[in-house]
Amino acid sequence: MDFTIEVERALRVLDGAILILCGVGGVQPQTLTVNKQMIRYNVPRLIFVNKLDRMGADPWSAIHSAREKLGICCAAVQVPIGEDERMRGLIDIINKKAFYFDGANG
């Protein structure tokens, strides 16, 4: 189902948004449409790369895809520790701190 009209209505009133990219597939066709709508309504956005625990996930490829296909100047502020199903946590570059996905809150 196409949610283009609903997304347009929502973007008109937002102060900001999170654009979610697939860690395996990168920028997908609907992402291009939503990004164009965000530009039209001057909605500032953060990009979140999802599904990094899946086989074939590559956050650097997703970031490169955003730069190439969306024309966005972007950089990672968090970096995963490990790849695909071996992902063990992440490093917060800004705060220089590692977070591991283990223990009671993992």
PDB file of N, CA and C in Angstrom:
ATOM      1  N   MET A   1       0.841  -1.179   0.000  1.00  0.00           N
ATOM      2  CA  MET A   1       0.000   0.000   0.000  1.00  0.00           C
ATOM      3  C   MET A   1       0.888   1.244   0.000  1.00  0.00           C
ATOM      4  N   ASP A   2       0.480   2.243  -0.727  1.00  0.00           N
ATOM      5  CA  ASP A   2       1.240   3.476  -0.840  1.00  0.00           C
ATOM      6  C   ASP A   2       0.732   4.491   0.183  1.00  0.00           C
ATOM      7  N   PHE A   3       1.647   4.977   1.021  1.00  0.00           N
ATOM      8  CA  PHE A   3       1.283   5.922   2.069  1.00  0.00           C
ATOM      9  C   PHE A   3       1.773   7.334   1.749  1.00  0.00           C
ATOM     10  N   THR A   4       1.968   7.634   0.479  1.00  0.00           N
ATOM     11  CA  THR A   4       2.546   8.914   0.077  1.00  0.00           C
ATOM     12  C   THR A   4       1.750  10.105   0.608  1.00  0.00           C
ATOM     13  N   ILE A   5       0.449  10.082   0.477  1.00  0.00           N
ATOM     14  CA  ILE A   5      -0.387  11.207   0.927  1.00  0.00           C
ATOM     15  C   ILE A   5      -0.291  11.381   2.438  1.00  0.00           C
ATOM     16  N   GLU A   6      -0.333  10.268   3.179  1.00  0.00           N
ATOM     17  CA  GLU A   6      -0.254  10.343   4.635  1.00  0.00           C
ATOM     18  C   GLU A   6       1.097  10.891   5.080  1.00  0.00           C
ATOM     19  N   VAL A   7       2.160  10.483   4.401  1.00  0.00           N
ATOM     20  CA  VAL A   7       3.500  10.975   4.727  1.00  0.00           C
ATOM     21  C   VAL A   7       3.572  12.472   4.447  1.00  0.00           C
ATOM     22  N   GLU A   8       3.021  12.921   3.333  1.00  0.00           N
ATOM     23  CA  GLU A   8       3.001  14.358   2.999  1.00  0.00           C
ATOM     24  C   GLU A   8       2.309  15.160   4.095  1.00  0.00           C
ATOM     25  N   ARG A   9       1.163  14.700   4.529  1.00  0.00           N
ATOM     26  CA  ARG A   9       0.422  15.409   5.583  1.00  0.00           C
ATOM     27  C   ARG A   9       1.236  15.500   6.860  1.00  0.00           C
ATOM     28  N   ALA A  10       1.868  14.398   7.235  1.00  0.00           N
ATOM     29  CA  ALA A  10       2.661  14.376   8.469  1.00  0.00           C
ATOM     30  C   ALA A  10       3.869  15.304   8.365  1.00  0.00           C
ATOM     31  N   LEU A  11       4.535  15.307   7.223  1.00  0.00           N
ATOM     32  CA  LEU A  11       5.748  16.122   7.060  1.00  0.00           C
ATOM     33  C   LEU A  11       5.467  17.617   7.129  1.00  0.00           C
ATOM     34  N   ARG A  12       4.260  18.013   6.815  1.00  0.00           N
ATOM     35  CA  ARG A  12       3.907  19.442   6.855  1.00  0.00           C
ATOM     36  C   ARG A  12       3.966  20.018   8.263  1.00  0.00           C
ATOM     37  N   VAL A  13       3.811  19.185   9.275  1.00  0.00           N
ATOM     38  CA  VAL A  13       3.737  19.688  10.645  1.00  0.00           C
ATOM     39  C   VAL A  13       4.916  19.264  11.519  1.00  0.00           C
ATOM     40  N   LEU A  14       5.860  18.529  10.972  1.00  0.00           N
ATOM     41  CA  LEU A  14       6.982  18.037  11.772  1.00  0.00           C
ATOM     42  C   LEU A  14       8.091  19.073  11.930  1.00  0.00           C
ATOM     43  N   ASP A  15       8.754  19.026  13.079  1.00  0.00           N
ATOM     44  CA  ASP A  15       9.938  19.855  13.303  1.00  0.00           C
ATOM     45  C   ASP A  15      11.201  19.124  12.876  1.00  0.00           C
ATOM     46  N   GLY A  16      11.123  17.807  12.755  1.00  0.00           N
ATOM     47  CA  GLY A  16      12.252  16.983  12.353  1.00  0.00           C
ATOM     48  C   GLY A  16      11.776  15.552  12.188  1.00  0.00           C
ATOM     49  N   ALA A  17      12.620  14.718  11.554  1.00  0.00           N
ATOM     50  CA  ALA A  17      12.222  13.332  11.318  1.00  0.00           C
ATOM     51  C   ALA A  17      13.454  12.431  11.302  1.00  0.00           C
ATOM     52  N   ILE A  18      13.201  11.141  11.418  1.00  0.00           N
ATOM     53  CA  ILE A  18      14.238  10.130  11.313  1.00  0.00           C
ATOM     54  C   ILE A  18      13.968   9.337  10.042  1.00  0.00           C
ATOM     55  N   LEU A  19      14.949   9.328   9.152  1.00  0.00           N
ATOM     56  CA  LEU A  19      14.861   8.575   7.905  1.00  0.00           C
ATOM     57  C   LEU A  19      15.555   7.236   8.142  1.00  0.00           C
ATOM     58  N   ILE A  20      14.818   6.162   8.053  1.00  0.00           N
ATOM     59  CA  ILE A  20      15.355   4.838   8.358  1.00  0.00           C
ATOM     60  C   ILE A  20      15.810   4.157   7.077  1.00  0.00           C
ATOM     61  N   LEU A  21      17.082   3.716   7.081  1.00  0.00           N
ATOM     62  CA  LEU A  21      17.643   2.979   5.958  1.00  0.00           C
ATOM     63  C   LEU A  21      17.879   1.537   6.372  1.00  0.00           C
ATOM     64  N   CYS A  22      17.748   0.638   5.442  1.00  0.00           N
ATOM     65  CA  CYS A  22      18.021  -0.772   5.683  1.00  0.00           C
ATOM     66  C   CYS A  22      19.533  -0.988   5.639  1.00  0.00           C
ATOM     67  N   GLY A  23      20.070  -1.649   6.652  1.00  0.00           N
ATOM     68  CA  GLY A  23      21.497  -1.934   6.707  1.00  0.00           C
ATOM     69  C   GLY A  23      21.949  -2.906   5.645  1.00  0.00           C
ATOM     70  N   VAL A  24      21.028  -3.655   5.066  1.00  0.00           N
ATOM     71  CA  VAL A  24      21.359  -4.612   4.013  1.00  0.00           C
ATOM     72  C   VAL A  24      21.118  -3.987   2.640  1.00  0.00           C
ATOM     73  N   GLY A  25      19.959  -3.368   2.452  1.00  0.00           N
ATOM     74  CA  GLY A  25      19.571  -2.842   1.143  1.00  0.00           C
ATOM     75  C   GLY A  25      19.911  -1.388   0.898  1.00  0.00           C
ATOM     76  N   GLY A  26      20.222  -0.628   1.950  1.00  0.00           N
ATOM     77  CA  GLY A  26      20.525   0.792   1.780  1.00  0.00           C
ATOM     78  C   GLY A  26      19.294   1.579   1.372  1.00  0.00           C
ATOM     79  N   VAL A  27      19.497   2.568   0.514  1.00  0.00           N
ATOM     80  CA  VAL A  27      18.400   3.416   0.041  1.00  0.00           C
ATOM     81  C   VAL A  27      17.526   2.604  -0.913  1.00  0.00           C
ATOM     82  N   GLN A  28      16.237   2.566  -0.614  1.00  0.00           N
ATOM     83  CA  GLN A  28      15.277   1.828  -1.432  1.00  0.00           C
ATOM     84  C   GLN A  28      14.338   2.824  -2.118  1.00  0.00           C
ATOM     85  N   PRO A  29      13.569   2.380  -3.126  1.00  0.00           N
ATOM     86  CA  PRO A  29      12.736   3.324  -3.901  1.00  0.00           C
ATOM     87  C   PRO A  29      11.838   4.230  -3.056  1.00  0.00           C
ATOM     88  N   GLN A  30      11.173   3.693  -2.046  1.00  0.00           N
ATOM     89  CA  GLN A  30      10.283   4.526  -1.228  1.00  0.00           C
ATOM     90  C   GLN A  30      11.079   5.546  -0.417  1.00  0.00           C
ATOM     91  N   THR A  31      12.333   5.214  -0.081  1.00  0.00           N
ATOM     92  CA  THR A  31      13.196   6.149   0.644  1.00  0.00           C
ATOM     93  C   THR A  31      13.429   7.398  -0.196  1.00  0.00           C
ATOM     94  N   LEU A  32      13.624   7.219  -1.489  1.00  0.00           N
ATOM     95  CA  LEU A  32      13.822   8.364  -2.388  1.00  0.00           C
ATOM     96  C   LEU A  32      12.616   9.291  -2.369  1.00  0.00           C
ATOM     97  N   THR A  33      11.431   8.709  -2.396  1.00  0.00           N
ATOM     98  CA  THR A  33      10.189   9.496  -2.379  1.00  0.00           C
ATOM     99  C   THR A  33      10.051  10.273  -1.075  1.00  0.00           C
ATOM    100  N   VAL A  34      10.269   9.593   0.042  1.00  0.00           N
ATOM    101  CA  VAL A  34      10.135  10.253   1.348  1.00  0.00           C
ATOM    102  C   VAL A  34      11.183  11.350   1.493  1.00  0.00           C
ATOM    103  N   ASN A  35      12.396  11.108   1.032  1.00  0.00           N
ATOM    104  CA  ASN A  35      13.442  12.123   1.117  1.00  0.00           C
ATOM    105  C   ASN A  35      13.074  13.362   0.299  1.00  0.00           C
ATOM    106  N   LYS A  36      12.515  13.174  -0.884  1.00  0.00           N
ATOM    107  CA  LYS A  36      12.076  14.314  -1.701  1.00  0.00           C
ATOM    108  C   LYS A  36      11.003  15.120  -0.976  1.00  0.00           C
ATOM    109  N   GLN A  37      10.103  14.410  -0.300  1.00  0.00           N
ATOM    110  CA  GLN A  37       9.060  15.100   0.462  1.00  0.00           C
ATOM    111  C   GLN A  37       9.670  15.883   1.625  1.00  0.00           C
ATOM    112  N   MET A  38      10.659  15.300   2.286  1.00  0.00           N
ATOM    113  CA  MET A  38      11.325  15.996   3.393  1.00  0.00           C
ATOM    114  C   MET A  38      12.010  17.270   2.902  1.00  0.00           C
ATOM    115  N   ILE A  39      12.629  17.196   1.745  1.00  0.00           N
ATOM    116  CA  ILE A  39      13.275  18.370   1.163  1.00  0.00           C
ATOM    117  C   ILE A  39      12.232  19.424   0.825  1.00  0.00           C
ATOM    118  N   ARG A  40      11.109  19.003   0.226  1.00  0.00           N
ATOM    119  CA  ARG A  40      10.043  19.930  -0.162  1.00  0.00           C
ATOM    120  C   ARG A  40       9.525  20.723   1.034  1.00  0.00           C
ATOM    121  N   TYR A  41       9.392  20.072   2.185  1.00  0.00           N
ATOM    122  CA  TYR A  41       8.848  20.732   3.378  1.00  0.00           C
ATOM    123  C   TYR A  41       9.932  21.184   4.353  1.00  0.00           C
ATOM    124  N   ASN A  42      11.195  21.163   3.915  1.00  0.00           N
ATOM    125  CA  ASN A  42      12.325  21.623   4.740  1.00  0.00           C
ATOM    126  C   ASN A  42      12.363  20.949   6.106  1.00  0.00           C
ATOM    127  N   VAL A  43      12.157  19.643   6.127  1.00  0.00           N
ATOM    128  CA  VAL A  43      12.172  18.888   7.376  1.00  0.00           C
ATOM    129  C   VAL A  43      13.597  18.384   7.628  1.00  0.00           C
ATOM    130  N   PRO A  44      14.242  18.840   8.710  1.00  0.00           N
ATOM    131  CA  PRO A  44      15.565  18.305   9.032  1.00  0.00           C
ATOM    132  C   PRO A  44      15.450  16.838   9.429  1.00  0.00           C
ATOM    133  N   ARG A  45      16.486  16.056   9.138  1.00  0.00           N
ATOM    134  CA  ARG A  45      16.386  14.628   9.399  1.00  0.00           C
ATOM    135  C   ARG A  45      17.693  14.034   9.902  1.00  0.00           C
ATOM    136  N   LEU A  46      17.523  12.999  10.684  1.00  0.00           N
ATOM    137  CA  LEU A  46      18.608  12.108  11.074  1.00  0.00           C
ATOM    138  C   LEU A  46      18.411  10.833  10.281  1.00  0.00           C
ATOM    139  N   ILE A  47      19.503  10.156   9.981  1.00  0.00           N
ATOM    140  CA  ILE A  47      19.395   8.870   9.309  1.00  0.00           C
ATOM    141  C   ILE A  47      19.743   7.786  10.312  1.00  0.00           C
ATOM    142  N   PHE A  48      18.884   6.786  10.397  1.00  0.00           N
ATOM    143  CA  PHE A  48      19.107   5.631  11.260  1.00  0.00           C
ATOM    144  C   PHE A  48      19.246   4.413  10.358  1.00  0.00           C
ATOM    145  N   VAL A  49      20.362   3.707  10.498  1.00  0.00           N
ATOM    146  CA  VAL A  49      20.568   2.491   9.711  1.00  0.00           C
ATOM    147  C   VAL A  49      20.098   1.309  10.556  1.00  0.00           C
ATOM    148  N   ASN A  50      19.068   0.643  10.081  1.00  0.00           N
ATOM    149  CA  ASN A  50      18.394  -0.443  10.789  1.00  0.00           C
ATOM    150  C   ASN A  50      18.877  -1.799  10.278  1.00  0.00           C
ATOM    151  N   LYS A  51      18.577  -2.846  10.996  1.00  0.00           N
ATOM    152  CA  LYS A  51      18.818  -4.234  10.592  1.00  0.00           C
ATOM    153  C   LYS A  51      20.306  -4.572  10.436  1.00  0.00           C
ATOM    154  N   LEU A  52      21.148  -3.987  11.275  1.00  0.00           N
ATOM    155  CA  LEU A  52      22.582  -4.262  11.182  1.00  0.00           C
ATOM    156  C   LEU A  52      22.962  -5.631  11.724  1.00  0.00           C
ATOM    157  N   ASP A  53      22.021  -6.319  12.365  1.00  0.00           N
ATOM    158  CA  ASP A  53      22.306  -7.665  12.869  1.00  0.00           C
ATOM    159  C   ASP A  53      21.968  -8.739  11.831  1.00  0.00           C
ATOM    160  N   ARG A  54      21.545  -8.347  10.646  1.00  0.00           N
ATOM    161  CA  ARG A  54      21.183  -9.302   9.595  1.00  0.00           C
ATOM    162  C   ARG A  54      22.399  -9.682   8.753  1.00  0.00           C
ATOM    163  N   MET A  55      22.322 -10.854   8.142  1.00  0.00           N
ATOM    164  CA  MET A  55      23.398 -11.303   7.265  1.00  0.00           C
ATOM    165  C   MET A  55      23.513 -10.359   6.063  1.00  0.00           C
ATOM    166  N   GLY A  56      24.721  -9.947   5.757  1.00  0.00           N
ATOM    167  CA  GLY A  56      24.958  -9.046   4.637  1.00  0.00           C
ATOM    168  C   GLY A  56      24.847  -7.571   4.983  1.00  0.00           C
ATOM    169  N   ALA A  57      24.596  -7.240   6.244  1.00  0.00           N
ATOM    170  CA  ALA A  57      24.468  -5.841   6.647  1.00  0.00           C
ATOM    171  C   ALA A  57      25.815  -5.139   6.551  1.00  0.00           C
ATOM    172  N   ASP A  58      25.790  -3.914   6.067  1.00  0.00           N
ATOM    173  CA  ASP A  58      27.001  -3.109   5.933  1.00  0.00           C
ATOM    174  C   ASP A  58      26.637  -1.646   6.139  1.00  0.00           C
ATOM    175  N   PRO A  59      26.896  -1.096   7.325  1.00  0.00           N
ATOM    176  CA  PRO A  59      26.518   0.293   7.577  1.00  0.00           C
ATOM    177  C   PRO A  59      27.232   1.282   6.665  1.00  0.00           C
ATOM    178  N   TRP A  60      28.464   0.965   6.273  1.00  0.00           N
ATOM    179  CA  TRP A  60      29.230   1.872   5.407  1.00  0.00           C
ATOM    180  C   TRP A  60      28.624   1.919   4.016  1.00  0.00           C
ATOM    181  N   SER A  61      28.114   0.801   3.551  1.00  0.00           N
ATOM    182  CA  SER A  61      27.437   0.770   2.263  1.00  0.00           C
ATOM    183  C   SER A  61      26.143   1.579   2.315  1.00  0.00           C
ATOM    184  N   ALA A  62      25.420   1.489   3.424  1.00  0.00           N
ATOM    185  CA  ALA A  62      24.178   2.257   3.586  1.00  0.00           C
ATOM    186  C   ALA A  62      24.469   3.756   3.606  1.00  0.00           C
ATOM    187  N   ILE A  63      25.546   4.146   4.290  1.00  0.00           N
ATOM    188  CA  ILE A  63      25.929   5.562   4.342  1.00  0.00           C
ATOM    189  C   ILE A  63      26.348   6.035   2.947  1.00  0.00           C
ATOM    190  N   HIS A  64      27.131   5.221   2.264  1.00  0.00           N
ATOM    191  CA  HIS A  64      27.554   5.561   0.904  1.00  0.00           C
ATOM    192  C   HIS A  64      26.326   5.691  -0.012  1.00  0.00           C
ATOM    193  N   SER A  65      25.361   4.790   0.152  1.00  0.00           N
ATOM    194  CA  SER A  65      24.131   4.824  -0.624  1.00  0.00           C
ATOM    195  C   SER A  65      23.367   6.127  -0.376  1.00  0.00           C
ATOM    196  N   ALA A  66      23.315   6.575   0.890  1.00  0.00           N
ATOM    197  CA  ALA A  66      22.637   7.838   1.217  1.00  0.00           C
ATOM    198  C   ALA A  66      23.352   9.012   0.564  1.00  0.00           C
ATOM    199  N   ARG A  67      24.673   8.981   0.583  1.00  0.00           N
ATOM    200  CA  ARG A  67      25.434  10.067  -0.044  1.00  0.00           C
ATOM    201  C   ARG A  67      25.196  10.107  -1.551  1.00  0.00           C
ATOM    202  N   GLU A  68      25.263   8.938  -2.183  1.00  0.00           N
ATOM    203  CA  GLU A  68      25.158   8.866  -3.643  1.00  0.00           C
ATOM    204  C   GLU A  68      23.736   9.083  -4.151  1.00  0.00           C
ATOM    205  N   LYS A  69      22.780   8.349  -3.591  1.00  0.00           N
ATOM    206  CA  LYS A  69      21.412   8.378  -4.116  1.00  0.00           C
ATOM    207  C   LYS A  69      20.576   9.542  -3.608  1.00  0.00           C
ATOM    208  N   LEU A  70      20.839   9.984  -2.368  1.00  0.00           N
ATOM    209  CA  LEU A  70      20.055  11.069  -1.799  1.00  0.00           C
ATOM    210  C   LEU A  70      20.765  12.415  -1.866  1.00  0.00           C
ATOM    211  N   GLY A  71      22.062  12.381  -2.139  1.00  0.00           N
ATOM    212  CA  GLY A  71      22.831  13.623  -2.193  1.00  0.00           C
ATOM    213  C   GLY A  71      22.983  14.274  -0.839  1.00  0.00           C
ATOM    214  N   ILE A  72      23.012  13.467   0.214  1.00  0.00           N
ATOM    215  CA  ILE A  72      23.098  13.974   1.577  1.00  0.00           C
ATOM    216  C   ILE A  72      24.532  13.857   2.077  1.00  0.00           C
ATOM    217  N   CYS A  73      25.022  14.915   2.689  1.00  0.00           N
ATOM    218  CA  CYS A  73      26.325  14.865   3.339  1.00  0.00           C
ATOM    219  C   CYS A  73      26.092  14.270   4.729  1.00  0.00           C
ATOM    220  N   CYS A  74      26.543  13.040   4.940  1.00  0.00           N
ATOM    221  CA  CYS A  74      26.272  12.386   6.218  1.00  0.00           C
ATOM    222  C   CYS A  74      27.497  11.612   6.689  1.00  0.00           C
ATOM    223  N   ALA A  75      27.531  11.353   7.987  1.00  0.00           N
ATOM    224  CA  ALA A  75      28.620  10.597   8.598  1.00  0.00           C
ATOM    225  C   ALA A  75      28.063   9.819   9.780  1.00  0.00           C
ATOM    226  N   ALA A  76      28.744   8.745  10.138  1.00  0.00           N
ATOM    227  CA  ALA A  76      28.311   7.924  11.269  1.00  0.00           C
ATOM    228  C   ALA A  76      28.687   8.599  12.584  1.00  0.00           C
ATOM    229  N   VAL A  77      27.778   8.559  13.551  1.00  0.00           N
ATOM    230  CA  VAL A  77      28.086   9.025  14.898  1.00  0.00           C
ATOM    231  C   VAL A  77      28.152   7.841  15.863  1.00  0.00           C
ATOM    232  N   GLN A  78      27.695   6.685  15.397  1.00  0.00           N
ATOM    233  CA  GLN A  78      27.829   5.434  16.133  1.00  0.00           C
ATOM    234  C   GLN A  78      28.274   4.363  15.149  1.00  0.00           C
ATOM    235  N   VAL A  79      29.184   3.502  15.605  1.00  0.00           N
ATOM    236  CA  VAL A  79      29.756   2.470  14.752  1.00  0.00           C
ATOM    237  C   VAL A  79      29.511   1.114  15.403  1.00  0.00           C
ATOM    238  N   PRO A  80      29.023   0.127  14.642  1.00  0.00           N
ATOM    239  CA  PRO A  80      28.781  -1.193  15.230  1.00  0.00           C
ATOM    240  C   PRO A  80      30.073  -1.920  15.578  1.00  0.00           C
ATOM    241  N   ILE A  81      30.001  -2.741  16.624  1.00  0.00           N
ATOM    242  CA  ILE A  81      31.095  -3.637  16.990  1.00  0.00           C
ATOM    243  C   ILE A  81      30.704  -5.011  16.467  1.00  0.00           C
ATOM    244  N   GLY A  82      31.375  -5.473  15.442  1.00  0.00           N
ATOM    245  CA  GLY A  82      31.046  -6.747  14.810  1.00  0.00           C
ATOM    246  C   GLY A  82      30.142  -6.533  13.610  1.00  0.00           C
ATOM    247  N   GLU A  83      29.960  -7.601  12.849  1.00  0.00           N
ATOM    248  CA  GLU A  83      29.134  -7.543  11.651  1.00  0.00           C
ATOM    249  C   GLU A  83      28.035  -8.586  11.690  1.00  0.00           C
ATOM    250  N   ASP A  84      26.969  -8.322  10.983  1.00  0.00           N
ATOM    251  CA  ASP A  84      25.759  -9.140  10.861  1.00  0.00           C
ATOM    252  C   ASP A  84      25.433  -9.875  12.151  1.00  0.00           C
ATOM    253  N   GLU A  85      25.292 -11.191  12.148  1.00  0.00           N
ATOM    254  CA  GLU A  85      24.856 -11.881  13.372  1.00  0.00           C
ATOM    255  C   GLU A  85      25.907 -11.867  14.481  1.00  0.00           C
ATOM    256  N   ARG A  86      27.130 -11.431  14.164  1.00  0.00           N
ATOM    257  CA  ARG A  86      28.187 -11.327  15.185  1.00  0.00           C
ATOM    258  C   ARG A  86      28.262  -9.924  15.790  1.00  0.00           C
ATOM    259  N   MET A  87      27.276  -9.099  15.548  1.00  0.00           N
ATOM    260  CA  MET A  87      27.263  -7.748  16.109  1.00  0.00           C
ATOM    261  C   MET A  87      27.122  -7.830  17.621  1.00  0.00           C
ATOM    262  N   ARG A  88      28.087  -7.274  18.336  1.00  0.00           N
ATOM    263  CA  ARG A  88      28.125  -7.388  19.801  1.00  0.00           C
ATOM    264  C   ARG A  88      27.785  -6.091  20.520  1.00  0.00           C
ATOM    265  N   GLY A  89      27.734  -4.988  19.797  1.00  0.00           N
ATOM    266  CA  GLY A  89      27.466  -3.711  20.437  1.00  0.00           C
ATOM    267  C   GLY A  89      27.737  -2.572  19.483  1.00  0.00           C
ATOM    268  N   LEU A  90      27.991  -1.375  20.041  1.00  0.00           N
ATOM    269  CA  LEU A  90      28.299  -0.217  19.216  1.00  0.00           C
ATOM    270  C   LEU A  90      29.218   0.730  19.953  1.00  0.00           C
ATOM    271  N   ILE A  91      29.867   1.570  19.177  1.00  0.00           N
ATOM    272  CA  ILE A  91      30.738   2.603  19.733  1.00  0.00           C
ATOM    273  C   ILE A  91      30.116   3.954  19.426  1.00  0.00           C
ATOM    274  N   ASP A  92      29.910   4.753  20.471  1.00  0.00           N
ATOM    275  CA  ASP A  92      29.412   6.117  20.323  1.00  0.00           C
ATOM    276  C   ASP A  92      30.638   7.002  20.103  1.00  0.00           C
ATOM    277  N   ILE A  93      30.813   7.483  18.889  1.00  0.00           N
ATOM    278  CA  ILE A  93      31.999   8.261  18.535  1.00  0.00           C
ATOM    279  C   ILE A  93      32.022   9.601  19.256  1.00  0.00           C
ATOM    280  N   ILE A  94      30.873  10.224  19.418  1.00  0.00           N
ATOM    281  CA  ILE A  94      30.812  11.544  20.048  1.00  0.00           C
ATOM    282  C   ILE A  94      31.250  11.471  21.512  1.00  0.00           C
ATOM    283  N   ASN A  95      30.697  10.488  22.249  1.00  0.00           N
ATOM    284  CA  ASN A  95      31.023  10.359  23.672  1.00  0.00           C
ATOM    285  C   ASN A  95      32.201   9.433  23.943  1.00  0.00           C
ATOM    286  N   LYS A  96      32.744   8.830  22.879  1.00  0.00           N
ATOM    287  CA  LYS A  96      33.892   7.924  22.993  1.00  0.00           C
ATOM    288  C   LYS A  96      33.632   6.822  24.005  1.00  0.00           C
ATOM    289  N   LYS A  97      32.503   6.122  23.810  1.00  0.00           N
ATOM    290  CA  LYS A  97      32.103   5.073  24.747  1.00  0.00           C
ATOM    291  C   LYS A  97      31.546   3.884  23.967  1.00  0.00           C
ATOM    292  N   ALA A  98      31.896   2.686  24.429  1.00  0.00           N
ATOM    293  CA  ALA A  98      31.390   1.467  23.806  1.00  0.00           C
ATOM    294  C   ALA A  98      30.227   0.915  24.617  1.00  0.00           C
ATOM    295  N   PHE A  99      29.220   0.399  23.929  1.00  0.00           N
ATOM    296  CA  PHE A  99      28.074  -0.239  24.558  1.00  0.00           C
ATOM    297  C   PHE A  99      27.972  -1.661  24.009  1.00  0.00           C
ATOM    298  N   TYR A 100      27.900  -2.639  24.904  1.00  0.00           N
ATOM    299  CA  TYR A 100      27.823  -4.035  24.496  1.00  0.00           C
ATOM    300  C   TYR A 100      26.428  -4.586  24.750  1.00  0.00           C
ATOM    301  N   PHE A 101      25.963  -5.455  23.856  1.00  0.00           N
ATOM    302  CA  PHE A 101      24.639  -6.030  23.952  1.00  0.00           C
ATOM    303  C   PHE A 101      24.699  -7.339  24.744  1.00  0.00           C
ATOM    304  N   ASP A 102      24.998  -7.249  26.015  1.00  0.00           N
ATOM    305  CA  ASP A 102      25.005  -8.442  26.866  1.00  0.00           C
ATOM    306  C   ASP A 102      24.506  -8.057  28.251  1.00  0.00           C
ATOM    307  N   GLY A 103      24.298  -9.035  29.087  1.00  0.00           N
ATOM    308  CA  GLY A 103      23.793  -8.774  30.422  1.00  0.00           C
ATOM    309  C   GLY A 103      22.285  -8.593  30.432  1.00  0.00           C
ATOM    310  N   ALA A 104      21.764  -8.113  31.546  1.00  0.00           N
ATOM    311  CA  ALA A 104      20.324  -7.984  31.751  1.00  0.00           C
ATOM    312  C   ALA A 104      19.688  -6.993  30.767  1.00  0.00           C
ATOM    313  N   ASN A 105      20.410  -5.957  30.366  1.00  0.00           N
ATOM    314  CA  ASN A 105      19.855  -4.929  29.475  1.00  0.00           C
ATOM    315  C   ASN A 105      20.408  -5.025  28.060  1.00  0.00           C
ATOM    316  N   GLY A 106      20.996  -6.149  27.706  1.00  0.00           N
ATOM    317  CA  GLY A 106      21.707  -6.292  26.427  1.00  0.00           C
ATOM    318  C   GLY A 106      20.834  -6.337  25.229  1.00  0.00           C
TER     319      GLY A 106
END
